[in-house]
All heavy atoms as atom14 arrays in JSON, in Angstrom:
{
  "sequence": "GGIFHNIGQLIVAAFVMETIRLAYYLPVLLIAGLITGLLIGI",
  "atom14_mask": [
    [1, 1, 1, 1, 0, 0, 0, 0, 0, 0, 0, 0, 0, 0],
    [1, 1, 1, 1, 0, 0, 0, 0, 0, 0, 0, 0, 0, 0],
    [1, 1, 1, 1, 1, 1, 1, 1, 0, 0, 0, 0, 0, 0],
    [1, 1, 1, 1, 1, 1, 1, 1, 1, 1, 1, 0, 0, 0],
    [1, 1, 1, 1, 1, 1, 1, 1, 1, 1, 0, 0, 0, 0],
    [1, 1, 1, 1, 1, 1, 1, 1, 0, 0, 0, 0, 0, 0],
    [1, 1, 1, 1, 1, 1, 1, 1, 0, 0, 0, 0, 0, 0],
    [1, 1, 1, 1, 0, 0, 0, 0, 0, 0, 0, 0, 0, 0],
    [1, 1, 1, 1, 1, 1, 1, 1, 1, 0, 0, 0, 0, 0],
    [1, 1, 1, 1, 1, 1, 1, 1, 0, 0, 0, 0, 0, 0],
    [1, 1, 1, 1, 1, 1, 1, 1, 0, 0, 0, 0, 0, 0],
    [1, 1, 1, 1, 1, 1, 1, 0, 0, 0, 0, 0, 0, 0],
    [1, 1, 1, 1, 1, 0, 0, 0, 0, 0, 0, 0, 0, 0],
    [1, 1, 1, 1, 1, 0, 0, 0, 0, 0, 0, 0, 0, 0],
    [1, 1, 1, 1, 1, 1, 1, 1, 1, 1, 1, 0, 0, 0],
    [1, 1, 1, 1, 1, 1, 1, 0, 0, 0, 0, 0, 0, 0],
    [1, 1, 1, 1, 1, 1, 1, 1, 0, 0, 0, 0, 0, 0],
    [1, 1, 1, 1, 1, 1, 1, 1, 1, 0, 0, 0, 0, 0],
    [1, 1, 1, 1, 1, 1, 1, 0, 0, 0, 0, 0, 0, 0],
    [1, 1, 1, 1, 1, 1, 1, 1, 0, 0, 0, 0, 0, 0],
    [1, 1, 1, 1, 1, 1, 1, 1, 1, 1, 1, 0, 0, 0],
    [1, 1, 1, 1, 1, 1, 1, 1, 0, 0, 0, 0, 0, 0],
    [1, 1, 1, 1, 1, 0, 0, 0, 0, 0, 0, 0, 0, 0],
    [1, 1, 1, 1, 1, 1, 1, 1, 1, 1, 1, 1, 0, 0],
    [1, 1, 1, 1, 1, 1, 1, 1, 1, 1, 1, 1, 0, 0],
    [1, 1, 1, 1, 1, 1, 1, 1, 0, 0, 0, 0, 0, 0],
    [1, 1, 1, 1, 1, 1, 1, 0, 0, 0, 0, 0, 0, 0],
    [1, 1, 1, 1, 1, 1, 1, 0, 0, 0, 0, 0, 0, 0],
    [1, 1, 1, 1, 1, 1, 1, 1, 0, 0, 0, 0, 0, 0],
    [1, 1, 1, 1, 1, 1, 1, 1, 0, 0, 0, 0, 0, 0],
    [1, 1, 1, 1, 1, 1, 1, 1, 0, 0, 0, 0, 0, 0],
    [1, 1, 1, 1, 1, 0, 0, 0, 0, 0, 0, 0, 0, 0],
    [1, 1, 1, 1, 0, 0, 0, 0, 0, 0, 0, 0, 0, 0],
    [1, 1, 1, 1, 1, 1, 1, 1, 0, 0, 0, 0, 0, 0],
    [1, 1, 1, 1, 1, 1, 1, 1, 0, 0, 0, 0, 0, 0],
    [1, 1, 1, 1, 1, 1, 1, 0, 0, 0, 0, 0, 0, 0],
    [1, 1, 1, 1, 0, 0, 0, 0, 0, 0, 0, 0, 0, 0],
    [1, 1, 1, 1, 1, 1, 1, 1, 0, 0, 0, 0, 0, 0],
    [1, 1, 1, 1, 1, 1, 1, 1, 0, 0, 0, 0, 0, 0],
    [1, 1, 1, 1, 1, 1, 1, 1, 0, 0, 0, 0, 0, 0],
    [1, 1, 1, 1, 0, 0, 0, 0, 0, 0, 0, 0, 0, 0],
    [1, 1, 1, 1, 1, 1, 1, 1, 0, 0, 0, 0, 0, 0]
  ],
  "atom14_positions": [
    [[71.76, 47.08, -38.89], [71.28, 46.32, -37.74], [71.01, 47.23, -36.55], [69.98, 47.11, -35.88], [0.0, 0.0, 0.0], [0.0, 0.0, 0.0], [0.0, 0.0, 0.0], [0.0, 0.0, 0.0], [0.0, 0.0, 0.0], [0.0, 0.0, 0.0], [0.0, 0.0, 0.0], [0.0, 0.0, 0.0], [0.0, 0.0, 0.0], [0.0, 0.0, 0.0]],
    [[71.92, 48.17, -36.28], [71.74, 49.11, -35.18], [70.53, 50.02, -35.4], [69.75, 50.27, -34.48], [0.0, 0.0, 0.0], [0.0, 0.0, 0.0], [0.0, 0.0, 0.0], [0.0, 0.0, 0.0], [0.0, 0.0, 0.0], [0.0, 0.0, 0.0], [0.0, 0.0, 0.0], [0.0, 0.0, 0.0], [0.0, 0.0, 0.0], [0.0, 0.0, 0.0]],
    [[70.38, 50.51, -36.62], [69.26, 51.39, -36.94], [67.94, 50.65, -36.79], [66.99, 51.15, -36.17], [69.42, 51.97, -38.36], [70.55, 53.0, -38.37], [68.11, 52.55, -38.88], [70.96, 53.46, -39.76], [0.0, 0.0, 0.0], [0.0, 0.0, 0.0], [0.0, 0.0, 0.0], [0.0, 0.0, 0.0], [0.0, 0.0, 0.0], [0.0, 0.0, 0.0]],
    [[67.86, 49.44, -37.33], [66.59, 48.71, -37.28], [66.3, 48.15, -35.89], [65.14, 47.94, -35.55], [66.54, 47.63, -38.37], [66.11, 48.2, -39.69], [67.04, 48.71, -40.58], [64.77, 48.28, -40.01], [66.65, 49.27, -41.77], [64.37, 48.84, -41.22], [65.31, 49.34, -42.1], [0.0, 0.0, 0.0], [0.0, 0.0, 0.0], [0.0, 0.0, 0.0]],
    [[67.33, 47.95, -35.09], [67.09, 47.56, -33.7], [66.33, 48.69, -33.0], [65.35, 48.46, -32.29], [68.42, 47.28, -32.99], [68.25, 46.59, -31.69], [67.92, 47.26, -30.53], [68.36, 45.29, -31.34], [67.83, 46.41, -29.54], [68.1, 45.2, -30.0], [0.0, 0.0, 0.0], [0.0, 0.0, 0.0], [0.0, 0.0, 0.0], [0.0, 0.0, 0.0]],
    [[66.79, 49.91, -33.22], [66.13, 51.07, -32.62], [64.72, 51.29, -33.18], [63.81, 51.67, -32.45], [66.98, 52.33, -32.8], [68.22, 52.3, -31.93], [68.32, 51.5, -31.0], [69.16, 53.16, -32.22], [0.0, 0.0, 0.0], [0.0, 0.0, 0.0], [0.0, 0.0, 0.0], [0.0, 0.0, 0.0], [0.0, 0.0, 0.0], [0.0, 0.0, 0.0]],
    [[64.55, 51.05, -34.47], [63.21, 51.17, -35.07], [62.27, 50.15, -34.44], [61.11, 50.47, -34.11], [63.28, 51.0, -36.6], [63.96, 52.22, -37.23], [61.88, 50.79, -37.2], [64.26, 52.09, -38.71], [0.0, 0.0, 0.0], [0.0, 0.0, 0.0], [0.0, 0.0, 0.0], [0.0, 0.0, 0.0], [0.0, 0.0, 0.0], [0.0, 0.0, 0.0]],
    [[62.74, 48.92, -34.24], [61.92, 47.89, -33.61], [61.51, 48.29, -32.2], [60.36, 48.1, -31.79], [0.0, 0.0, 0.0], [0.0, 0.0, 0.0], [0.0, 0.0, 0.0], [0.0, 0.0, 0.0], [0.0, 0.0, 0.0], [0.0, 0.0, 0.0], [0.0, 0.0, 0.0], [0.0, 0.0, 0.0], [0.0, 0.0, 0.0], [0.0, 0.0, 0.0]],
    [[62.44, 48.89, -31.46], [62.12, 49.33, -30.11], [61.13, 50.49, -30.12], [60.25, 50.58, -29.26], [63.39, 49.71, -29.36], [64.24, 48.51, -29.05], [65.44, 48.82, -28.2], [66.0, 49.92, -28.27], [65.85, 47.86, -27.4], [0.0, 0.0, 0.0], [0.0, 0.0, 0.0], [0.0, 0.0, 0.0], [0.0, 0.0, 0.0], [0.0, 0.0, 0.0]],
    [[61.24, 51.36, -31.11], [60.29, 52.47, -31.23], [58.89, 51.96, -31.55], [57.89, 52.49, -31.05], [60.76, 53.46, -32.3], [59.98, 54.75, -32.4], [60.09, 55.55, -31.11], [60.48, 55.59, -33.57], [0.0, 0.0, 0.0], [0.0, 0.0, 0.0], [0.0, 0.0, 0.0], [0.0, 0.0, 0.0], [0.0, 0.0, 0.0], [0.0, 0.0, 0.0]],
    [[58.81, 50.9, -32.35], [57.51, 50.28, -32.65], [56.87, 49.76, -31.37], [55.68, 49.97, -31.13], [57.68, 49.16, -33.71], [58.04, 49.76, -35.07], [56.42, 48.3, -33.8], [58.52, 48.75, -36.09], [0.0, 0.0, 0.0], [0.0, 0.0, 0.0], [0.0, 0.0, 0.0], [0.0, 0.0, 0.0], [0.0, 0.0, 0.0], [0.0, 0.0, 0.0]],
    [[57.65, 49.09, -30.54], [57.13, 48.58, -29.27], [56.69, 49.75, -28.38], [55.61, 49.71, -27.77], [58.15, 47.69, -28.53], [57.68, 47.35, -27.13], [58.42, 46.43, -29.32], [0.0, 0.0, 0.0], [0.0, 0.0, 0.0], [0.0, 0.0, 0.0], [0.0, 0.0, 0.0], [0.0, 0.0, 0.0], [0.0, 0.0, 0.0], [0.0, 0.0, 0.0]],
    [[57.5, 50.78, -28.32], [57.16, 51.95, -27.49], [55.86, 52.58, -27.96], [55.01, 52.95, -27.13], [58.29, 52.98, -27.53], [0.0, 0.0, 0.0], [0.0, 0.0, 0.0], [0.0, 0.0, 0.0], [0.0, 0.0, 0.0], [0.0, 0.0, 0.0], [0.0, 0.0, 0.0], [0.0, 0.0, 0.0], [0.0, 0.0, 0.0], [0.0, 0.0, 0.0]],
    [[55.67, 52.71, -29.26], [54.43, 53.28, -29.79], [53.24, 52.4, -29.43], [52.15, 52.9, -29.11], [54.53, 53.46, -31.3], [0.0, 0.0, 0.0], [0.0, 0.0, 0.0], [0.0, 0.0, 0.0], [0.0, 0.0, 0.0], [0.0, 0.0, 0.0], [0.0, 0.0, 0.0], [0.0, 0.0, 0.0], [0.0, 0.0, 0.0], [0.0, 0.0, 0.0]],
    [[53.44, 51.1, -29.46], [52.37, 50.17, -29.1], [52.05, 50.25, -27.61], [50.9, 50.33, -27.21], [52.78, 48.74, -29.48], [51.76, 47.71, -29.13], [50.6, 47.57, -29.88], [51.96, 46.86, -28.05], [49.65, 46.62, -29.56], [51.02, 45.9, -27.71], [49.86, 45.78, -28.48], [0.0, 0.0, 0.0], [0.0, 0.0, 0.0], [0.0, 0.0, 0.0]],
    [[53.09, 50.26, -26.77], [52.9, 50.32, -25.32], [52.26, 51.65, -24.9], [51.36, 51.68, -24.06], [54.25, 50.11, -24.57], [54.13, 50.43, -23.09], [54.74, 48.68, -24.77], [0.0, 0.0, 0.0], [0.0, 0.0, 0.0], [0.0, 0.0, 0.0], [0.0, 0.0, 0.0], [0.0, 0.0, 0.0], [0.0, 0.0, 0.0], [0.0, 0.0, 0.0]],
    [[52.74, 52.73, -25.48], [52.23, 54.06, -25.13], [50.92, 54.39, -25.87], [50.32, 55.42, -25.6], [53.28, 55.13, -25.45], [54.6, 54.92, -24.74], [54.49, 55.04, -22.98], [54.37, 56.78, -22.8], [0.0, 0.0, 0.0], [0.0, 0.0, 0.0], [0.0, 0.0, 0.0], [0.0, 0.0, 0.0], [0.0, 0.0, 0.0], [0.0, 0.0, 0.0]],
    [[50.57, 53.54, -26.81], [49.35, 53.7, -27.61], [49.3, 55.03, -28.34], [48.27, 55.7, -28.4], [48.11, 53.52, -26.74], [48.01, 52.13, -26.14], [46.78, 51.95, -25.25], [46.03, 52.93, -25.03], [46.58, 50.82, -24.79], [0.0, 0.0, 0.0], [0.0, 0.0, 0.0], [0.0, 0.0, 0.0], [0.0, 0.0, 0.0], [0.0, 0.0, 0.0]],
    [[50.44, 55.41, -28.9], [50.5, 56.63, -29.7], [51.62, 56.54, -30.73], [52.68, 56.0, -30.46], [50.7, 57.88, -28.83], [50.71, 59.03, -29.69], [51.98, 57.83, -28.04], [0.0, 0.0, 0.0], [0.0, 0.0, 0.0], [0.0, 0.0, 0.0], [0.0, 0.0, 0.0], [0.0, 0.0, 0.0], [0.0, 0.0, 0.0], [0.0, 0.0, 0.0]],
    [[51.34, 57.07, -31.9], [52.35, 57.13, -32.96], [53.17, 58.41, -32.84], [54.15, 58.62, -33.54], [51.67, 57.03, -34.35], [52.68, 56.75, -35.47], [50.88, 58.29, -34.66], [53.3, 55.41, -35.4], [0.0, 0.0, 0.0], [0.0, 0.0, 0.0], [0.0, 0.0, 0.0], [0.0, 0.0, 0.0], [0.0, 0.0, 0.0], [0.0, 0.0, 0.0]],
    [[52.8, 59.27, -31.91], [53.49, 60.54, -31.72], [54.95, 60.38, -31.33], [55.71, 61.33, -31.37], [52.77, 61.39, -30.69], [51.45, 61.9, -31.19], [50.83, 62.82, -30.2], [49.59, 63.35, -30.76], [48.76, 64.1, -30.09], [49.03, 64.41, -28.83], [47.68, 64.54, -30.66], [0.0, 0.0, 0.0], [0.0, 0.0, 0.0], [0.0, 0.0, 0.0]],
    [[55.33, 59.19, -30.94], [56.72, 58.94, -30.59], [57.63, 58.97, -31.82], [58.85, 58.92, -31.69], [56.85, 57.58, -29.9], [56.2, 57.46, -28.54], [56.3, 56.03, -28.03], [56.84, 58.41, -27.55], [0.0, 0.0, 0.0], [0.0, 0.0, 0.0], [0.0, 0.0, 0.0], [0.0, 0.0, 0.0], [0.0, 0.0, 0.0], [0.0, 0.0, 0.0]],
    [[57.05, 59.08, -32.99], [57.83, 59.12, -34.22], [58.79, 60.32, -34.25], [59.79, 60.29, -34.95], [56.92, 59.16, -35.44], [0.0, 0.0, 0.0], [0.0, 0.0, 0.0], [0.0, 0.0, 0.0], [0.0, 0.0, 0.0], [0.0, 0.0, 0.0], [0.0, 0.0, 0.0], [0.0, 0.0, 0.0], [0.0, 0.0, 0.0], [0.0, 0.0, 0.0]],
    [[58.51, 61.34, -33.46], [59.42, 62.5, -33.39], [60.8, 62.06, -32.9], [61.8, 62.71, -33.17], [58.86, 63.58, -32.46], [59.02, 63.28, -30.99], [60.17, 63.66, -30.29], [58.04, 62.57, -30.29], [60.32, 63.36, -28.95], [58.19, 62.27, -28.95], [59.34, 62.66, -28.29], [59.49, 62.36, -26.96], [0.0, 0.0, 0.0], [0.0, 0.0, 0.0]],
    [[60.85, 60.96, -32.19], [62.07, 60.43, -31.61], [62.91, 59.65, -32.64], [64.06, 59.33, -32.38], [61.66, 59.53, -30.44], [62.7, 59.27, -29.41], [63.43, 60.29, -28.82], [62.96, 57.96, -28.98], [64.39, 60.03, -27.86], [63.91, 57.7, -28.03], [64.62, 58.74, -27.47], [65.57, 58.49, -26.52], [0.0, 0.0, 0.0], [0.0, 0.0, 0.0]],
    [[62.33, 59.37, -33.78], [62.99, 58.55, -34.8], [64.34, 59.11, -35.26], [65.31, 58.36, -35.32], [62.07, 58.31, -35.99], [62.6, 57.38, -37.07], [62.89, 55.99, -36.51], [61.61, 57.28, -38.22], [0.0, 0.0, 0.0], [0.0, 0.0, 0.0], [0.0, 0.0, 0.0], [0.0, 0.0, 0.0], [0.0, 0.0, 0.0], [0.0, 0.0, 0.0]],
    [[64.47, 60.4, -35.58], [65.78, 60.9, -36.02], [66.89, 60.67, -34.99], [68.02, 60.31, -35.35], [65.55, 62.4, -36.25], [64.1, 62.51, -36.5], [63.44, 61.44, -35.67], [0.0, 0.0, 0.0], [0.0, 0.0, 0.0], [0.0, 0.0, 0.0], [0.0, 0.0, 0.0], [0.0, 0.0, 0.0], [0.0, 0.0, 0.0], [0.0, 0.0, 0.0]],
    [[66.57, 60.85, -33.73], [67.56, 60.64, -32.67], [67.98, 59.18, -32.64], [69.17, 58.86, -32.54], [66.97, 61.06, -31.3], [67.9, 60.68, -30.16], [66.67, 62.54, -31.27], [0.0, 0.0, 0.0], [0.0, 0.0, 0.0], [0.0, 0.0, 0.0], [0.0, 0.0, 0.0], [0.0, 0.0, 0.0], [0.0, 0.0, 0.0], [0.0, 0.0, 0.0]],
    [[67.0, 58.27, -32.75], [67.31, 56.84, -32.73], [68.06, 56.4, -33.99], [68.88, 55.49, -33.92], [66.02, 56.03, -32.55], [65.37, 56.16, -31.18], [64.08, 55.34, -31.13], [66.31, 55.72, -30.07], [0.0, 0.0, 0.0], [0.0, 0.0, 0.0], [0.0, 0.0, 0.0], [0.0, 0.0, 0.0], [0.0, 0.0, 0.0], [0.0, 0.0, 0.0]],
    [[67.77, 57.03, -35.12], [68.49, 56.7, -36.35], [69.97, 57.08, -36.21], [70.85, 56.31, -36.59], [67.86, 57.39, -37.55], [66.47, 56.93, -37.95], [65.97, 57.75, -39.14], [66.43, 55.45, -38.27], [0.0, 0.0, 0.0], [0.0, 0.0, 0.0], [0.0, 0.0, 0.0], [0.0, 0.0, 0.0], [0.0, 0.0, 0.0], [0.0, 0.0, 0.0]],
    [[70.22, 58.24, -35.66], [71.61, 58.69, -35.47], [72.32, 57.78, -34.45], [73.46, 57.36, -34.67], [71.66, 60.16, -35.03], [71.2, 61.05, -36.18], [73.06, 60.56, -34.57], [70.92, 62.5, -35.8], [0.0, 0.0, 0.0], [0.0, 0.0, 0.0], [0.0, 0.0, 0.0], [0.0, 0.0, 0.0], [0.0, 0.0, 0.0], [0.0, 0.0, 0.0]],
    [[71.63, 57.46, -33.36], [72.23, 56.58, -32.35], [72.51, 55.2, -32.94], [73.58, 54.62, -32.7], [71.29, 56.45, -31.15], [0.0, 0.0, 0.0], [0.0, 0.0, 0.0], [0.0, 0.0, 0.0], [0.0, 0.0, 0.0], [0.0, 0.0, 0.0], [0.0, 0.0, 0.0], [0.0, 0.0, 0.0], [0.0, 0.0, 0.0], [0.0, 0.0, 0.0]],
    [[71.59, 54.67, -33.73], [71.8, 53.37, -34.37], [72.95, 53.4, -35.35], [73.71, 52.44, -35.46], [0.0, 0.0, 0.0], [0.0, 0.0, 0.0], [0.0, 0.0, 0.0], [0.0, 0.0, 0.0], [0.0, 0.0, 0.0], [0.0, 0.0, 0.0], [0.0, 0.0, 0.0], [0.0, 0.0, 0.0], [0.0, 0.0, 0.0], [0.0, 0.0, 0.0]],
    [[73.08, 54.5, -36.06], [74.18, 54.65, -37.01], [75.53, 54.65, -36.28], [76.45, 53.94, -36.67], [74.01, 55.95, -37.8], [75.01, 56.17, -38.92], [74.31, 56.82, -40.11], [76.17, 57.01, -38.49], [0.0, 0.0, 0.0], [0.0, 0.0, 0.0], [0.0, 0.0, 0.0], [0.0, 0.0, 0.0], [0.0, 0.0, 0.0], [0.0, 0.0, 0.0]],
    [[75.62, 55.43, -35.22], [76.89, 55.54, -34.49], [77.25, 54.22, -33.8], [78.38, 53.72, -33.94], [76.83, 56.7, -33.47], [76.74, 58.02, -34.21], [78.05, 56.66, -32.54], [76.4, 59.21, -33.32], [0.0, 0.0, 0.0], [0.0, 0.0, 0.0], [0.0, 0.0, 0.0], [0.0, 0.0, 0.0], [0.0, 0.0, 0.0], [0.0, 0.0, 0.0]],
    [[76.3, 53.64, -33.07], [76.61, 52.38, -32.37], [76.83, 51.25, -33.37], [77.71, 50.42, -33.17], [75.51, 52.01, -31.36], [74.26, 51.88, -32.03], [75.4, 53.05, -30.26], [0.0, 0.0, 0.0], [0.0, 0.0, 0.0], [0.0, 0.0, 0.0], [0.0, 0.0, 0.0], [0.0, 0.0, 0.0], [0.0, 0.0, 0.0], [0.0, 0.0, 0.0]],
    [[76.05, 51.25, -34.45], [76.23, 50.23, -35.49], [77.6, 50.34, -36.15], [78.23, 49.33, -36.47], [0.0, 0.0, 0.0], [0.0, 0.0, 0.0], [0.0, 0.0, 0.0], [0.0, 0.0, 0.0], [0.0, 0.0, 0.0], [0.0, 0.0, 0.0], [0.0, 0.0, 0.0], [0.0, 0.0, 0.0], [0.0, 0.0, 0.0], [0.0, 0.0, 0.0]],
    [[78.07, 51.57, -36.33], [79.4, 51.8, -36.9], [80.49, 51.24, -35.99], [81.38, 50.51, -36.43], [79.62, 53.29, -37.15], [81.01, 53.7, -37.63], [81.26, 53.16, -39.03], [81.14, 55.22, -37.61], [0.0, 0.0, 0.0], [0.0, 0.0, 0.0], [0.0, 0.0, 0.0], [0.0, 0.0, 0.0], [0.0, 0.0, 0.0], [0.0, 0.0, 0.0]],
    [[80.4, 51.58, -34.7], [81.41, 51.1, -33.74], [81.4, 49.57, -33.64], [82.46, 48.93, -33.69], [81.16, 51.72, -32.37], [81.33, 53.23, -32.29], [80.89, 53.75, -30.93], [82.76, 53.63, -32.59], [0.0, 0.0, 0.0], [0.0, 0.0, 0.0], [0.0, 0.0, 0.0], [0.0, 0.0, 0.0], [0.0, 0.0, 0.0], [0.0, 0.0, 0.0]],
    [[80.22, 48.99, -33.52], [80.1, 47.53, -33.43], [80.57, 46.89, -34.75], [81.22, 45.85, -34.75], [78.65, 47.12, -33.09], [78.25, 47.62, -31.7], [78.44, 45.62, -33.23], [79.07, 47.1, -30.56], [0.0, 0.0, 0.0], [0.0, 0.0, 0.0], [0.0, 0.0, 0.0], [0.0, 0.0, 0.0], [0.0, 0.0, 0.0], [0.0, 0.0, 0.0]],
    [[80.26, 47.53, -35.86], [80.66, 47.0, -37.17], [82.16, 46.97, -37.36], [82.72, 46.02, -37.91], [0.0, 0.0, 0.0], [0.0, 0.0, 0.0], [0.0, 0.0, 0.0], [0.0, 0.0, 0.0], [0.0, 0.0, 0.0], [0.0, 0.0, 0.0], [0.0, 0.0, 0.0], [0.0, 0.0, 0.0], [0.0, 0.0, 0.0], [0.0, 0.0, 0.0]],
    [[82.85, 48.01, -36.9], [84.31, 48.06, -37.02], [84.94, 46.92, -36.22], [85.81, 46.2, -36.74], [84.85, 49.44, -36.55], [84.44, 50.52, -37.55], [86.36, 49.4, -36.37], [84.66, 51.95, -37.07], [0.0, 0.0, 0.0], [0.0, 0.0, 0.0], [0.0, 0.0, 0.0], [0.0, 0.0, 0.0], [0.0, 0.0, 0.0], [0.0, 0.0, 0.0]]
  ]
}
């Protein structure tokens, strides 16, 4: 849930900024989603 929340936000950002180049940010968001999802999950 945390990971896909961040992916959804990245999709909006790519749409708003009109560029797919924001995909470089995906690994950072995946790690952040994993960590926050883990804490919230516990």
